[in-house]
């Protein structure tokens, strides 16, 4: 009896058919997911700021301020790089979600996994602030940033294949999105071997993001929308 009911259900609603109810649920889920992700990004940026030396927590006074600022320059640099990278990933997330018309559970899972990767990155930033210059900590930061970046690419690819993207972007704009997501994960991979040459070289390696972003902007120029004659 149960098998007959399942067979009738398959005939009534094909497996690949997207019903109005599914689309409406996807739209609501997209809104909730966007809000949750925005909140998590804001919390991650706030958390990074809390890693900065604090006189009440770290126990230094007015006389030690100059010493703390000069001796902890590496910690400041790592934390500020972290803040900039999180903001960049937040921008990529907004770019991706801005082109979606709805989502589903699989796409939501990919988005949450990306956030989880960034949270693990922040965990290793915290350890790096406590144990500066440790190679393994720098390597782990680069690895989880790369993972988060590739999750962005895979999420966009899945959204295209699952027809979650709105009709607004042109075909070229959809293809260019792959290129726009590449700089962060690629540079993260490049910084992995640089970690073995010391924290200074590893930190300078992140400056490669600047020429990478410039190249992406030149490769993917903004498409001018031509007004069609009515």
Protein backbone atom coordinates (compact mmCIF):
# COMPACT_ATOMS: atom_id res chain seq x y z
CA UNK A 1 0.00 0.00 0.00
CA UNK A 2 2.80 2.42 0.97
CA UNK A 3 4.66 1.66 -2.27
CA UNK A 4 1.55 2.50 -4.30
CA UNK A 5 1.21 5.85 -2.51
CA UNK A 6 4.87 6.67 -3.24
CA UNK A 7 4.42 5.68 -6.89
CA UNK A 8 1.35 7.93 -7.22
CA UNK A 9 3.30 10.79 -5.57
CA UNK A 10 6.13 10.47 -8.07
CA UNK A 11 3.65 10.68 -10.96
CA UNK A 12 1.91 13.72 -9.52
CA UNK A 13 5.13 15.64 -8.62
CA UNK A 14 8.18 14.68 -10.72
CA UNK A 15 11.48 14.60 -8.85
CA UNK A 16 13.06 17.51 -10.76
CA UNK A 17 9.96 19.71 -10.87
CA UNK A 18 10.18 22.91 -8.81
CA UNK A 19 6.75 23.84 -7.48
CA UNK A 20 5.59 27.30 -6.42
CA UNK A 21 5.63 26.15 -2.79
CA UNK A 22 9.29 25.10 -3.09
CA UNK A 23 10.21 28.47 -4.63
CA UNK A 24 8.39 30.40 -1.90
CA UNK A 25 10.11 28.36 0.80
CA UNK A 26 13.43 28.97 -0.95
CA UNK A 27 12.83 32.73 -1.00
CA UNK A 28 12.08 32.80 2.73
CA UNK A 29 15.05 30.55 3.43
CA UNK A 30 17.31 32.85 1.38
CA UNK A 31 16.23 35.87 3.44
CA UNK A 32 16.80 34.07 6.75
CA UNK A 33 20.15 32.68 5.56
CA UNK A 34 21.31 36.13 4.41
CA UNK A 35 20.46 37.66 7.78
CA UNK A 36 22.21 34.89 9.71
CA UNK A 37 25.35 35.12 7.55
CA UNK A 38 25.49 38.93 7.83
CA UNK A 39 25.25 38.66 11.62
CA UNK A 40 27.99 36.01 11.73
CA UNK A 41 30.31 38.13 9.57
CA UNK A 42 29.74 41.13 11.84
CA UNK A 43 30.48 38.97 14.90
CA UNK A 44 33.68 37.65 13.31
CA UNK A 45 34.94 41.18 12.66
CA UNK A 46 34.08 42.15 16.24
CA UNK A 47 35.86 39.05 17.55
CA UNK A 48 39.02 39.96 15.64
CA UNK A 49 39.02 43.39 17.27
CA UNK A 50 38.85 41.75 20.70
CA UNK A 51 42.18 40.01 19.95
CA UNK A 52 44.00 43.37 20.06
CA UNK A 53 46.03 44.01 23.25
CA UNK A 54 43.83 45.25 26.06
CA UNK A 55 45.36 46.86 29.21
CA UNK A 56 42.63 45.40 31.42
CA UNK A 57 43.12 41.87 30.10
CA UNK A 58 46.84 41.86 29.23
CA UNK A 59 47.86 43.80 32.34
CA UNK A 60 49.97 46.60 30.93
CA UNK A 61 49.90 50.23 32.04
CA UNK A 62 50.57 53.65 30.56
CA UNK A 63 54.33 53.24 30.82
CA UNK A 64 54.27 50.01 28.78
CA UNK A 65 52.08 51.28 25.90
CA UNK A 66 55.00 52.11 23.59
CA UNK A 67 56.68 48.77 24.34
CA UNK A 68 53.47 46.85 23.68
CA UNK A 69 52.82 48.66 20.39
CA UNK A 70 56.36 48.14 19.08
CA UNK A 71 56.86 44.55 20.25
CA UNK A 72 53.39 43.35 19.21
CA UNK A 73 53.46 44.79 15.68
CA UNK A 74 53.24 41.30 14.20
CA UNK A 75 50.08 40.55 16.16
CA UNK A 76 48.51 43.80 14.99
CA UNK A 77 49.41 43.02 11.39
CA UNK A 78 47.93 39.51 11.49
CA UNK A 79 44.71 40.78 13.09
CA UNK A 80 44.30 43.66 10.63
CA UNK A 81 44.92 41.30 7.71
CA UNK A 82 42.24 39.06 9.18
CA UNK A 83 39.77 41.94 9.40
CA UNK A 84 40.42 42.95 5.78
CA UNK A 85 40.06 39.35 4.54
CA UNK A 86 36.81 38.81 6.44
CA UNK A 87 35.43 42.03 4.93
CA UNK A 88 36.48 40.84 1.46
CA UNK A 89 34.74 37.50 1.99
CA UNK A 90 31.68 39.35 3.28
CA UNK A 91 31.64 41.35 0.06
CA UNK A 92 31.89 38.15 -2.00
CA UNK A 93 29.02 36.67 0.00
CA UNK A 94 26.85 39.73 -0.67
CA UNK A 95 27.73 39.56 -4.36
CA UNK A 96 26.69 35.92 -4.52
CA UNK A 97 23.48 36.28 -2.53
CA UNK A 98 22.55 39.43 -4.43
CA UNK A 99 22.22 37.37 -7.61
CA UNK A 100 20.04 34.63 -6.12
CA UNK A 101 16.26 34.47 -6.34
CA UNK A 102 15.91 31.64 -3.82
CA UNK A 103 17.96 28.91 -2.14
CA UNK A 104 17.65 25.32 -0.96
CA UNK A 105 19.02 23.17 1.83
CA UNK A 106 22.11 22.07 -0.12
CA UNK A 107 23.12 25.61 -1.01
CA UNK A 108 22.44 26.78 2.56
CA UNK A 109 24.71 23.98 3.82
CA UNK A 110 27.54 25.12 1.54
CA UNK A 111 27.14 28.70 2.80
CA UNK A 112 27.26 27.60 6.44
CA UNK A 113 30.32 25.44 5.77
CA UNK A 114 32.07 28.49 4.35
CA UNK A 115 31.27 30.45 7.51
CA UNK A 116 32.51 27.51 9.60
CA UNK A 117 35.82 27.58 7.67
CA UNK A 118 36.21 31.30 8.39
CA UNK A 119 35.48 30.70 12.07
CA UNK A 120 38.26 28.12 12.18
CA UNK A 121 40.51 30.67 10.48
CA UNK A 122 39.71 33.16 13.26
CA UNK A 123 40.49 30.47 15.85
CA UNK A 124 44.01 30.12 14.42
CA UNK A 125 44.35 33.92 14.27
CA UNK A 126 43.68 33.91 17.99
CA UNK A 127 46.34 31.25 18.57
CA UNK A 128 48.75 33.21 16.38
CA UNK A 129 48.17 36.27 18.56
CA UNK A 130 49.15 34.22 21.62
CA UNK A 131 51.99 32.27 19.96
CA UNK A 132 53.27 34.62 17.22
CA UNK A 133 55.44 33.31 14.42
CA UNK A 134 54.46 29.62 14.68
CA UNK A 135 54.60 28.13 11.18
CA UNK A 136 51.77 25.64 11.69
CA UNK A 137 49.40 28.42 12.78
CA UNK A 138 50.14 30.50 9.68
CA UNK A 139 49.68 27.45 7.45
CA UNK A 140 46.31 26.64 9.04
CA UNK A 141 45.12 30.22 8.56
CA UNK A 142 45.98 30.05 4.86
CA UNK A 143 44.37 26.63 4.47
CA UNK A 144 41.02 27.59 6.00
CA UNK A 145 40.90 30.86 4.06
CA UNK A 146 41.49 28.88 0.87
CA UNK A 147 38.76 26.40 1.82
CA UNK A 148 36.33 29.25 2.48
CA UNK A 149 37.14 30.77 -0.91
CA UNK A 150 36.61 27.52 -2.79
CA UNK A 151 33.30 27.07 -0.98
CA UNK A 152 32.26 30.41 -2.54
CA UNK A 153 33.13 29.14 -6.01
CA UNK A 154 31.39 25.82 -5.45
CA UNK A 155 28.31 27.58 -4.01
CA UNK A 156 28.05 29.79 -7.10
CA UNK A 157 28.50 26.77 -9.39
CA UNK A 158 25.82 24.86 -7.51
CA UNK A 159 23.48 27.87 -7.61
CA UNK A 160 23.86 28.07 -11.41
CA UNK A 161 23.31 24.35 -11.95
CA UNK A 162 20.30 24.31 -9.60
CA UNK A 163 18.75 27.41 -11.23
CA UNK A 164 18.84 29.42 -8.02
CA UNK A 165 20.26 32.49 -9.81
CA UNK A 166 17.90 35.24 -10.94
CA UNK A 167 17.46 36.18 -14.58
CA UNK A 168 19.06 39.62 -14.07
CA UNK A 169 22.74 38.65 -14.59
CA UNK A 170 23.79 38.07 -18.20
CA UNK A 171 25.58 34.91 -19.29
CA UNK A 172 28.92 36.74 -19.28
CA UNK A 173 28.28 38.16 -15.80
CA UNK A 174 27.54 34.66 -14.52
CA UNK A 175 30.80 33.36 -16.01
CA UNK A 176 32.78 36.34 -14.70
CA UNK A 177 31.62 35.56 -11.16
CA UNK A 178 33.92 32.52 -11.15
CA UNK A 179 36.91 34.77 -11.85
CA UNK A 180 35.85 37.32 -9.21
CA UNK A 181 35.82 34.57 -6.56
CA UNK A 182 39.36 33.35 -7.42
CA UNK A 183 41.83 35.90 -5.92
CA UNK A 184 41.23 35.13 -2.22
CA UNK A 185 41.54 31.31 -2.34
CA UNK A 186 44.40 31.38 -4.86
CA UNK A 187 46.47 33.87 -2.85
CA UNK A 188 45.69 31.86 0.30
CA UNK A 189 47.22 28.79 -1.35
CA UNK A 190 50.27 30.79 -2.41
CA UNK A 191 50.86 31.95 1.17
CA UNK A 192 51.04 28.37 2.48
CA UNK A 193 54.67 27.76 1.39
CA UNK A 194 55.55 31.36 2.32
CA UNK A 195 54.77 30.51 5.95
CA UNK A 196 57.92 28.35 6.07
CA UNK A 197 60.06 31.43 5.32
CA UNK A 198 58.88 33.24 8.44
CA UNK A 199 56.01 35.46 9.57
CA UNK A 200 57.28 38.57 7.79
CA UNK A 201 57.40 36.89 4.37
CA UNK A 202 54.04 35.22 5.01
CA UNK A 203 52.46 38.55 5.98
CA UNK A 204 53.88 40.31 2.92
CA UNK A 205 52.48 37.51 0.77
CA UNK A 206 48.94 38.75 1.43
CA UNK A 207 49.81 41.96 -0.42
CA UNK A 208 49.54 39.86 -3.59
CA UNK A 209 45.80 40.34 -3.21
CA UNK A 210 46.21 43.91 -4.47
CA UNK A 211 47.58 43.05 -7.95
CA UNK A 212 45.26 40.01 -8.07
CA UNK A 213 42.18 42.20 -7.57
CA UNK A 214 43.47 44.67 -10.18
CA UNK A 215 43.95 41.86 -12.71
CA UNK A 216 40.43 40.54 -12.04
CA UNK A 217 38.94 43.99 -12.63
CA UNK A 218 40.78 44.26 -15.95
CA UNK A 219 39.81 40.75 -17.03
CA UNK A 220 36.15 41.21 -16.10
CA UNK A 221 35.22 44.76 -17.14
CA UNK A 222 31.81 46.05 -16.16
CA UNK A 223 29.27 45.39 -18.85
CA UNK A 224 27.47 48.47 -20.02
CA UNK A 225 23.77 47.91 -20.33
CA UNK A 226 22.51 49.25 -23.62
CA UNK A 227 18.99 50.59 -23.67
CA UNK A 228 16.82 48.74 -26.11
CA UNK A 229 14.66 50.72 -28.48
CA UNK A 230 11.01 50.12 -27.89
